[in-house]
Amino acid sequence: MSEFRLSADAGSRRVVATCCNTPVFLEMKGAHWLSIYLHLWPDEARPKAELRTMAGDLPDASKLPDDIANLKSHTVSFYAKLLRAWIAMGFRNPKIEVMGKIVA
């Protein structure tokens, strides 16, 4: 696996499986979570989405389906879930070592 950064000082990195050029996850600097690309999960094992955040950034959020909540921004409960998870992790920010680097 290799990491790709949009710039040398970027606050995020994308990790790619170089054998098949498949994105695996997105990691934000200082974050205690990973954004894992959903296409890697079998349909039956995918976590069910509970809400969409940042719909307010879209030019026309009315085009989103209404199967789950489409929030304009983040909510207090959203941040509370993140905080509870971080507490459960002992306020750690695990490091994931990736050997290669992709330079664009």
C-alpha atoms as a PDB file:
ATOM      1  CA  MET A   1       0.000   0.000   0.000  1.00  0.00           C
ATOM      2  CA  SER A   2       1.086   3.557  -0.662  1.00  0.00           C
ATOM      3  CA  GLU A   3      -0.027   6.962   0.515  1.00  0.00           C
ATOM      4  CA  PHE A   4      -1.016   9.851  -1.702  1.00  0.00           C
ATOM      5  CA  ARG A   5      -1.150  13.465  -0.540  1.00  0.00           C
ATOM      6  CA  LEU A   6      -2.514  16.342  -2.592  1.00  0.00           C
ATOM      7  CA  SER A   7       0.491  18.413  -1.487  1.00  0.00           C
ATOM      8  CA  ALA A   8       3.523  17.907   0.744  1.00  0.00           C
ATOM      9  CA  ASP A   9       1.853  19.714   3.660  1.00  0.00           C
ATOM     10  CA  ALA A  10      -1.670  18.350   3.116  1.00  0.00           C
ATOM     11  CA  GLY A  11      -3.673  17.553   6.243  1.00  0.00           C
ATOM     12  CA  SER A  12      -5.052  14.377   4.722  1.00  0.00           C
ATOM     13  CA  ARG A  13      -3.714  11.306   3.002  1.00  0.00           C
ATOM     14  CA  ARG A  14      -5.342   8.703   0.846  1.00  0.00           C
ATOM     15  CA  VAL A  15      -4.031   5.164   1.089  1.00  0.00           C
ATOM     16  CA  VAL A  16      -4.109   3.090  -2.075  1.00  0.00           C
ATOM     17  CA  ALA A  17      -3.518  -0.617  -2.717  1.00  0.00           C
ATOM     18  CA  THR A  18      -0.901  -0.286  -5.444  1.00  0.00           C
ATOM     19  CA  CYS A  19      -1.406  -3.826  -6.749  1.00  0.00           C
ATOM     20  CA  CYS A  20      -4.785  -2.832  -8.201  1.00  0.00           C
ATOM     21  CA  ASN A  21      -4.745   0.973  -7.805  1.00  0.00           C
ATOM     22  CA  THR A  22      -7.681   0.763  -5.386  1.00  0.00           C
ATOM     23  CA  PRO A  23      -8.295   3.468  -2.769  1.00  0.00           C
ATOM     24  CA  VAL A  24      -8.622   1.910   0.694  1.00  0.00           C
ATOM     25  CA  PHE A  25      -9.080   4.765   3.158  1.00  0.00           C
ATOM     26  CA  LEU A  26      -8.763   8.495   3.753  1.00  0.00           C
ATOM     27  CA  GLU A  27      -7.043   9.698   6.914  1.00  0.00           C
ATOM     28  CA  MET A  28      -7.207  13.237   8.308  1.00  0.00           C
ATOM     29  CA  LYS A  29      -4.249  14.583  10.311  1.00  0.00           C
ATOM     30  CA  GLY A  30      -5.024  14.457  14.042  1.00  0.00           C
ATOM     31  CA  ALA A  31      -8.250  12.501  13.580  1.00  0.00           C
ATOM     32  CA  HIS A  32      -9.043   9.358  15.540  1.00  0.00           C
ATOM     33  CA  TRP A  33     -11.137   7.864  12.709  1.00  0.00           C
ATOM     34  CA  LEU A  34     -10.652   6.695   9.121  1.00  0.00           C
ATOM     35  CA  SER A  35     -12.952   7.240   6.192  1.00  0.00           C
ATOM     36  CA  ILE A  36     -13.080   3.827   4.540  1.00  0.00           C
ATOM     37  CA  TYR A  37     -14.190   3.612   0.927  1.00  0.00           C
ATOM     38  CA  LEU A  38     -17.546   1.836   0.917  1.00  0.00           C
ATOM     39  CA  HIS A  39     -17.026  -0.061  -2.350  1.00  0.00           C
ATOM     40  CA  LEU A  40     -14.608  -2.400  -0.540  1.00  0.00           C
ATOM     41  CA  TRP A  41     -17.377  -3.846   1.640  1.00  0.00           C
ATOM     42  CA  PRO A  42     -19.638  -6.641   0.367  1.00  0.00           C
ATOM     43  CA  ASP A  43     -23.214  -5.311   0.073  1.00  0.00           C
ATOM     44  CA  GLU A  44     -24.488  -7.451   2.946  1.00  0.00           C
ATOM     45  CA  ALA A  45     -21.674  -6.329   5.285  1.00  0.00           C
ATOM     46  CA  ARG A  46     -21.796  -2.577   4.593  1.00  0.00           C
ATOM     47  CA  PRO A  47     -22.699  -0.433   7.560  1.00  0.00           C
ATOM     48  CA  LYS A  48     -26.063   1.195   7.020  1.00  0.00           C
ATOM     49  CA  ALA A  49     -25.871   4.959   6.579  1.00  0.00           C
ATOM     50  CA  GLU A  50     -27.690   6.864   9.310  1.00  0.00           C
ATOM     51  CA  LEU A  51     -27.438  10.401   7.933  1.00  0.00           C
ATOM     52  CA  ARG A  52     -25.702  12.605   5.390  1.00  0.00           C
ATOM     53  CA  THR A  53     -23.745  15.608   6.631  1.00  0.00           C
ATOM     54  CA  MET A  54     -22.673  18.791   4.876  1.00  0.00           C
ATOM     55  CA  ALA A  55     -25.551  18.705   2.374  1.00  0.00           C
ATOM     56  CA  GLY A  56     -25.591  22.483   2.745  1.00  0.00           C
ATOM     57  CA  ASP A  57     -22.383  22.630   0.694  1.00  0.00           C
ATOM     58  CA  LEU A  58     -24.154  21.237  -2.366  1.00  0.00           C
ATOM     59  CA  PRO A  59     -25.445  23.600  -5.048  1.00  0.00           C
ATOM     60  CA  ASP A  60     -28.816  21.770  -4.958  1.00  0.00           C
ATOM     61  CA  ALA A  61     -29.338  19.453  -1.985  1.00  0.00           C
ATOM     62  CA  SER A  62     -32.925  18.780  -3.093  1.00  0.00           C
ATOM     63  CA  LYS A  63     -31.544  16.184  -5.528  1.00  0.00           C
ATOM     64  CA  LEU A  64     -30.450  13.951  -2.635  1.00  0.00           C
ATOM     65  CA  PRO A  65     -32.739  11.031  -1.809  1.00  0.00           C
ATOM     66  CA  ASP A  66     -34.809  11.437   1.351  1.00  0.00           C
ATOM     67  CA  ASP A  67     -34.240   7.882   2.634  1.00  0.00           C
ATOM     68  CA  ILE A  68     -32.122   9.259   5.498  1.00  0.00           C
ATOM     69  CA  ALA A  69     -31.614  12.713   7.006  1.00  0.00           C
ATOM     70  CA  ASN A  70     -29.734  15.191   4.802  1.00  0.00           C
ATOM     71  CA  LEU A  71     -28.167  17.604   7.273  1.00  0.00           C
ATOM     72  CA  LYS A  72     -26.855  20.999   6.180  1.00  0.00           C
ATOM     73  CA  SER A  73     -23.902  20.691   8.554  1.00  0.00           C
ATOM     74  CA  HIS A  74     -22.758  18.564  11.503  1.00  0.00           C
ATOM     75  CA  THR A  75     -24.944  18.196  14.582  1.00  0.00           C
ATOM     76  CA  VAL A  76     -24.179  18.065  18.288  1.00  0.00           C
ATOM     77  CA  SER A  77     -25.161  14.376  18.312  1.00  0.00           C
ATOM     78  CA  PHE A  78     -22.704  13.722  15.459  1.00  0.00           C
ATOM     79  CA  TYR A  79     -19.863  15.259  17.474  1.00  0.00           C
ATOM     80  CA  ALA A  80     -21.053  13.428  20.602  1.00  0.00           C
ATOM     81  CA  LYS A  81     -20.709  10.076  18.782  1.00  0.00           C
ATOM     82  CA  LEU A  82     -17.168  10.988  17.726  1.00  0.00           C
ATOM     83  CA  LEU A  83     -16.282  12.008  21.278  1.00  0.00           C
ATOM     84  CA  ARG A  84     -17.720   8.788  22.765  1.00  0.00           C
ATOM     85  CA  ALA A  85     -15.678   6.731  20.301  1.00  0.00           C
ATOM     86  CA  TRP A  86     -12.517   8.680  21.134  1.00  0.00           C
ATOM     87  CA  ILE A  87     -13.109   8.198  24.864  1.00  0.00           C
ATOM     88  CA  ALA A  88     -13.562   4.455  24.272  1.00  0.00           C
ATOM     89  CA  MET A  89     -10.198   4.501  22.456  1.00  0.00           C
ATOM     90  CA  GLY A  90      -8.536   6.055  25.500  1.00  0.00           C
ATOM     91  CA  PHE A  91      -8.032   9.367  23.669  1.00  0.00           C
ATOM     92  CA  ARG A  92      -5.490   7.695  21.402  1.00  0.00           C
ATOM     93  CA  ASN A  93      -4.856   8.516  17.776  1.00  0.00           C
ATOM     94  CA  PRO A  94      -3.490   5.256  16.321  1.00  0.00           C
ATOM     95  CA  LYS A  95      -0.820   5.606  13.650  1.00  0.00           C
ATOM     96  CA  ILE A  96      -1.099   3.478  10.527  1.00  0.00           C
ATOM     97  CA  GLU A  97       2.260   2.920   8.886  1.00  0.00           C
ATOM     98  CA  VAL A  98       2.281   2.814   5.096  1.00  0.00           C
ATOM     99  CA  MET A  99       5.561   2.116   3.352  1.00  0.00           C
ATOM    100  CA  GLY A 100       5.145   3.589  -0.127  1.00  0.00           C
ATOM    101  CA  LYS A 101       4.409   7.073  -1.410  1.00  0.00           C
ATOM    102  CA  ILE A 102       2.735   8.094  -4.632  1.00  0.00           C
ATOM    103  CA  VAL A 103       4.063  11.326  -6.108  1.00  0.00           C
ATOM    104  CA  ALA A 104       1.837  12.953  -8.701  1.00  0.00           C
END
